[in-house]
Amino acid sequence: MIYRVVMNDAGHHQHTAAADILRQFHGYDHLPEPHRGVSDLFHVLATELVFRIPESPALAAGLRKLLTAREACVHASLEAGGQ
């Protein structure tokens, strides 16, 4: 896993807001296939966005909304699969 880090005023590394949100996209191994694949699509997209878009409040907001969308899509997948 690669996360963006920045130096704070005290000279210590700290994770950016986007990196903190990106961490929440991990941890879908408990899902059975094909539901795991649905979650993984969102993880891949979120990772790409973090690397392509400069850190900003808008990026963090977009990632939070993407996280919400992932939860809804995984739920829909589980309902459709009967699990």
N, C-alpha and C. Protein backbone atom coordinates (compact mmCIF):
# COMPACT_ATOMS: atom_id res chain seq x y z
N MET A 1 0.83 -1.18 0.00
CA MET A 1 0.00 0.00 0.00
C MET A 1 0.87 1.24 0.00
N ILE A 2 0.47 2.21 -0.80
CA ILE A 2 1.20 3.47 -0.86
C ILE A 2 0.23 4.58 -0.51
N TYR A 3 0.64 5.41 0.41
CA TYR A 3 -0.18 6.54 0.82
C TYR A 3 0.64 7.81 0.71
N ARG A 4 -0.03 8.88 0.38
CA ARG A 4 0.63 10.17 0.38
C ARG A 4 0.87 10.60 1.81
N VAL A 5 2.01 11.14 2.06
CA VAL A 5 2.28 11.72 3.36
C VAL A 5 2.83 13.12 3.16
N VAL A 6 2.61 13.97 4.12
CA VAL A 6 3.12 15.34 4.09
C VAL A 6 3.82 15.61 5.40
N MET A 7 4.66 16.62 5.38
CA MET A 7 5.33 17.03 6.62
C MET A 7 4.46 18.09 7.28
N ASN A 8 4.18 17.92 8.56
CA ASN A 8 3.44 18.95 9.27
C ASN A 8 4.41 20.01 9.77
N ASP A 9 3.89 21.02 10.44
CA ASP A 9 4.72 22.14 10.89
C ASP A 9 5.83 21.70 11.85
N ALA A 10 5.62 20.61 12.56
CA ALA A 10 6.63 20.13 13.50
C ALA A 10 7.68 19.25 12.82
N GLY A 11 7.54 19.06 11.50
CA GLY A 11 8.51 18.25 10.78
C GLY A 11 8.22 16.76 10.82
N HIS A 12 7.04 16.37 11.27
CA HIS A 12 6.66 14.97 11.33
C HIS A 12 5.79 14.62 10.12
N HIS A 13 5.88 13.38 9.70
CA HIS A 13 5.03 12.93 8.61
C HIS A 13 3.60 12.75 9.12
N GLN A 14 2.65 13.12 8.27
CA GLN A 14 1.26 12.84 8.61
C GLN A 14 0.55 12.43 7.33
N HIS A 15 -0.43 11.57 7.46
CA HIS A 15 -1.20 11.14 6.30
C HIS A 15 -2.16 12.24 5.91
N THR A 16 -2.40 12.37 4.62
CA THR A 16 -3.36 13.34 4.14
C THR A 16 -4.77 12.80 4.36
N ALA A 17 -5.75 13.69 4.25
CA ALA A 17 -7.15 13.27 4.42
C ALA A 17 -7.51 12.22 3.37
N ALA A 18 -7.08 12.43 2.14
CA ALA A 18 -7.39 11.47 1.08
C ALA A 18 -6.80 10.10 1.39
N ALA A 19 -5.59 10.06 1.91
CA ALA A 19 -4.97 8.78 2.24
C ALA A 19 -5.71 8.09 3.38
N ASP A 20 -6.18 8.87 4.34
CA ASP A 20 -6.94 8.29 5.44
C ASP A 20 -8.24 7.66 4.92
N ILE A 21 -8.90 8.34 4.00
CA ILE A 21 -10.14 7.80 3.43
C ILE A 21 -9.83 6.57 2.57
N LEU A 22 -8.73 6.65 1.81
CA LEU A 22 -8.35 5.53 0.94
C LEU A 22 -8.17 4.24 1.74
N ARG A 23 -7.67 4.34 2.94
CA ARG A 23 -7.49 3.15 3.79
C ARG A 23 -8.81 2.43 4.03
N GLN A 24 -9.90 3.15 4.01
CA GLN A 24 -11.21 2.54 4.27
C GLN A 24 -11.68 1.66 3.10
N PHE A 25 -11.04 1.79 1.94
CA PHE A 25 -11.42 0.97 0.80
C PHE A 25 -10.79 -0.42 0.88
N HIS A 26 -9.87 -0.65 1.81
CA HIS A 26 -9.26 -1.96 2.00
C HIS A 26 -10.15 -2.80 2.90
N GLY A 27 -9.91 -4.07 2.92
CA GLY A 27 -10.62 -4.92 3.86
C GLY A 27 -11.90 -5.52 3.31
N TYR A 28 -11.84 -6.03 2.09
CA TYR A 28 -13.02 -6.67 1.52
C TYR A 28 -12.82 -8.17 1.36
N ASP A 29 -11.76 -8.71 1.97
CA ASP A 29 -11.47 -10.13 1.86
C ASP A 29 -12.54 -11.01 2.50
N HIS A 30 -13.31 -10.43 3.41
CA HIS A 30 -14.36 -11.20 4.08
C HIS A 30 -15.56 -11.46 3.16
N LEU A 31 -15.64 -10.72 2.04
CA LEU A 31 -16.76 -10.88 1.13
C LEU A 31 -16.53 -12.08 0.21
N PRO A 32 -17.59 -12.82 -0.06
CA PRO A 32 -17.45 -13.91 -1.04
C PRO A 32 -17.41 -13.33 -2.46
N GLU A 33 -16.80 -14.09 -3.38
CA GLU A 33 -16.86 -13.70 -4.79
C GLU A 33 -18.30 -13.92 -5.25
N PRO A 34 -18.87 -13.13 -6.13
CA PRO A 34 -18.29 -12.04 -6.88
C PRO A 34 -18.39 -10.68 -6.17
N HIS A 35 -18.88 -10.67 -4.95
CA HIS A 35 -19.09 -9.41 -4.24
C HIS A 35 -17.75 -8.73 -3.93
N ARG A 36 -16.73 -9.53 -3.70
CA ARG A 36 -15.40 -8.98 -3.45
C ARG A 36 -14.93 -8.18 -4.67
N GLY A 37 -15.25 -8.68 -5.85
CA GLY A 37 -14.87 -8.00 -7.08
C GLY A 37 -15.54 -6.64 -7.23
N VAL A 38 -16.78 -6.54 -6.77
CA VAL A 38 -17.48 -5.25 -6.79
C VAL A 38 -16.75 -4.25 -5.91
N SER A 39 -16.40 -4.66 -4.72
CA SER A 39 -15.69 -3.78 -3.80
C SER A 39 -14.32 -3.42 -4.34
N ASP A 40 -13.65 -4.37 -4.96
CA ASP A 40 -12.31 -4.12 -5.50
C ASP A 40 -12.33 -3.07 -6.60
N LEU A 41 -13.37 -3.03 -7.40
CA LEU A 41 -13.48 -2.00 -8.44
C LEU A 41 -13.40 -0.60 -7.83
N PHE A 42 -14.07 -0.40 -6.72
CA PHE A 42 -14.06 0.90 -6.05
C PHE A 42 -12.69 1.19 -5.46
N HIS A 43 -12.04 0.17 -4.93
CA HIS A 43 -10.70 0.34 -4.37
C HIS A 43 -9.72 0.80 -5.46
N VAL A 44 -9.79 0.17 -6.63
CA VAL A 44 -8.91 0.54 -7.73
C VAL A 44 -9.18 1.97 -8.18
N LEU A 45 -10.44 2.33 -8.33
CA LEU A 45 -10.79 3.69 -8.74
C LEU A 45 -10.33 4.72 -7.71
N ALA A 46 -10.56 4.46 -6.44
CA ALA A 46 -10.16 5.40 -5.39
C ALA A 46 -8.64 5.60 -5.39
N THR A 47 -7.90 4.51 -5.57
CA THR A 47 -6.44 4.61 -5.61
C THR A 47 -5.98 5.46 -6.78
N GLU A 48 -6.56 5.24 -7.94
CA GLU A 48 -6.21 6.04 -9.12
C GLU A 48 -6.52 7.52 -8.90
N LEU A 49 -7.65 7.81 -8.31
CA LEU A 49 -8.02 9.20 -8.07
C LEU A 49 -7.03 9.90 -7.14
N VAL A 50 -6.60 9.20 -6.10
CA VAL A 50 -5.66 9.78 -5.14
C VAL A 50 -4.34 10.11 -5.82
N PHE A 51 -3.92 9.29 -6.77
CA PHE A 51 -2.66 9.55 -7.44
C PHE A 51 -2.77 10.56 -8.58
N ARG A 52 -3.96 10.76 -9.11
CA ARG A 52 -4.12 11.67 -10.25
C ARG A 52 -4.58 13.08 -9.87
N ILE A 53 -5.25 13.21 -8.75
CA ILE A 53 -5.83 14.51 -8.37
C ILE A 53 -5.08 15.05 -7.16
N PRO A 54 -4.67 16.31 -7.22
CA PRO A 54 -3.98 16.90 -6.06
C PRO A 54 -4.87 16.90 -4.82
N GLU A 55 -4.24 16.79 -3.68
CA GLU A 55 -4.95 16.81 -2.39
C GLU A 55 -5.79 18.08 -2.27
N SER A 56 -7.04 17.90 -1.91
CA SER A 56 -7.94 19.04 -1.72
C SER A 56 -9.17 18.56 -0.95
N PRO A 57 -9.92 19.50 -0.37
CA PRO A 57 -11.17 19.12 0.28
C PRO A 57 -12.15 18.47 -0.70
N ALA A 58 -12.12 18.91 -1.95
CA ALA A 58 -13.03 18.32 -2.94
C ALA A 58 -12.68 16.86 -3.22
N LEU A 59 -11.38 16.53 -3.27
CA LEU A 59 -10.97 15.14 -3.44
C LEU A 59 -11.44 14.30 -2.27
N ALA A 60 -11.25 14.79 -1.06
CA ALA A 60 -11.68 14.05 0.13
C ALA A 60 -13.19 13.83 0.10
N ALA A 61 -13.94 14.86 -0.30
CA ALA A 61 -15.40 14.72 -0.38
C ALA A 61 -15.79 13.69 -1.43
N GLY A 62 -15.12 13.73 -2.57
CA GLY A 62 -15.40 12.75 -3.61
C GLY A 62 -15.11 11.33 -3.18
N LEU A 63 -14.01 11.14 -2.46
CA LEU A 63 -13.68 9.80 -1.97
C LEU A 63 -14.69 9.31 -0.94
N ARG A 64 -15.15 10.21 -0.08
CA ARG A 64 -16.19 9.81 0.89
C ARG A 64 -17.46 9.38 0.18
N LYS A 65 -17.83 10.11 -0.88
CA LYS A 65 -19.03 9.74 -1.64
C LYS A 65 -18.82 8.43 -2.38
N LEU A 66 -17.61 8.21 -2.88
CA LEU A 66 -17.30 6.95 -3.53
C LEU A 66 -17.39 5.78 -2.54
N LEU A 67 -16.98 6.03 -1.32
CA LEU A 67 -17.08 5.01 -0.27
C LEU A 67 -18.55 4.66 -0.01
N THR A 68 -19.39 5.67 0.02
CA THR A 68 -20.83 5.45 0.19
C THR A 68 -21.40 4.66 -0.99
N ALA A 69 -20.96 5.02 -2.20
CA ALA A 69 -21.43 4.31 -3.39
C ALA A 69 -20.98 2.85 -3.36
N ARG A 70 -19.74 2.61 -2.91
CA ARG A 70 -19.25 1.24 -2.81
C ARG A 70 -20.13 0.42 -1.88
N GLU A 71 -20.45 0.99 -0.73
CA GLU A 71 -21.28 0.27 0.24
C GLU A 71 -22.64 -0.07 -0.36
N ALA A 72 -23.22 0.86 -1.09
CA ALA A 72 -24.53 0.62 -1.70
C ALA A 72 -24.44 -0.47 -2.78
N CYS A 73 -23.39 -0.42 -3.60
CA CYS A 73 -23.24 -1.41 -4.67
C CYS A 73 -22.94 -2.80 -4.13
N VAL A 74 -22.12 -2.89 -3.12
CA VAL A 74 -21.85 -4.19 -2.50
C VAL A 74 -23.14 -4.74 -1.88
N HIS A 75 -23.90 -3.88 -1.23
CA HIS A 75 -25.18 -4.31 -0.65
C HIS A 75 -26.12 -4.81 -1.74
N ALA A 76 -26.19 -4.08 -2.85
CA ALA A 76 -27.04 -4.50 -3.97
C ALA A 76 -26.57 -5.84 -4.53
N SER A 77 -25.26 -6.02 -4.63
CA SER A 77 -24.70 -7.27 -5.11
C SER A 77 -25.05 -8.43 -4.18
N LEU A 78 -24.96 -8.18 -2.89
CA LEU A 78 -25.30 -9.22 -1.91
C LEU A 78 -26.78 -9.57 -2.00
N GLU A 79 -27.63 -8.55 -2.15
CA GLU A 79 -29.08 -8.82 -2.26
C GLU A 79 -29.38 -9.62 -3.52
N ALA A 80 -28.75 -9.27 -4.63
CA ALA A 80 -29.00 -9.95 -5.90
C ALA A 80 -28.49 -11.39 -5.86
N GLY A 81 -27.40 -11.60 -5.10
CA GLY A 81 -26.83 -12.93 -4.99
C GLY A 81 -27.47 -13.78 -3.92
N GLY A 82 -28.34 -13.18 -3.13
CA GLY A 82 -29.01 -13.93 -2.09
C GLY A 82 -28.14 -14.28 -0.90
N GLN A 83 -27.05 -13.54 -0.71
CA GLN A 83 -26.17 -13.87 0.41
C GLN A 83 -26.19 -12.77 1.43
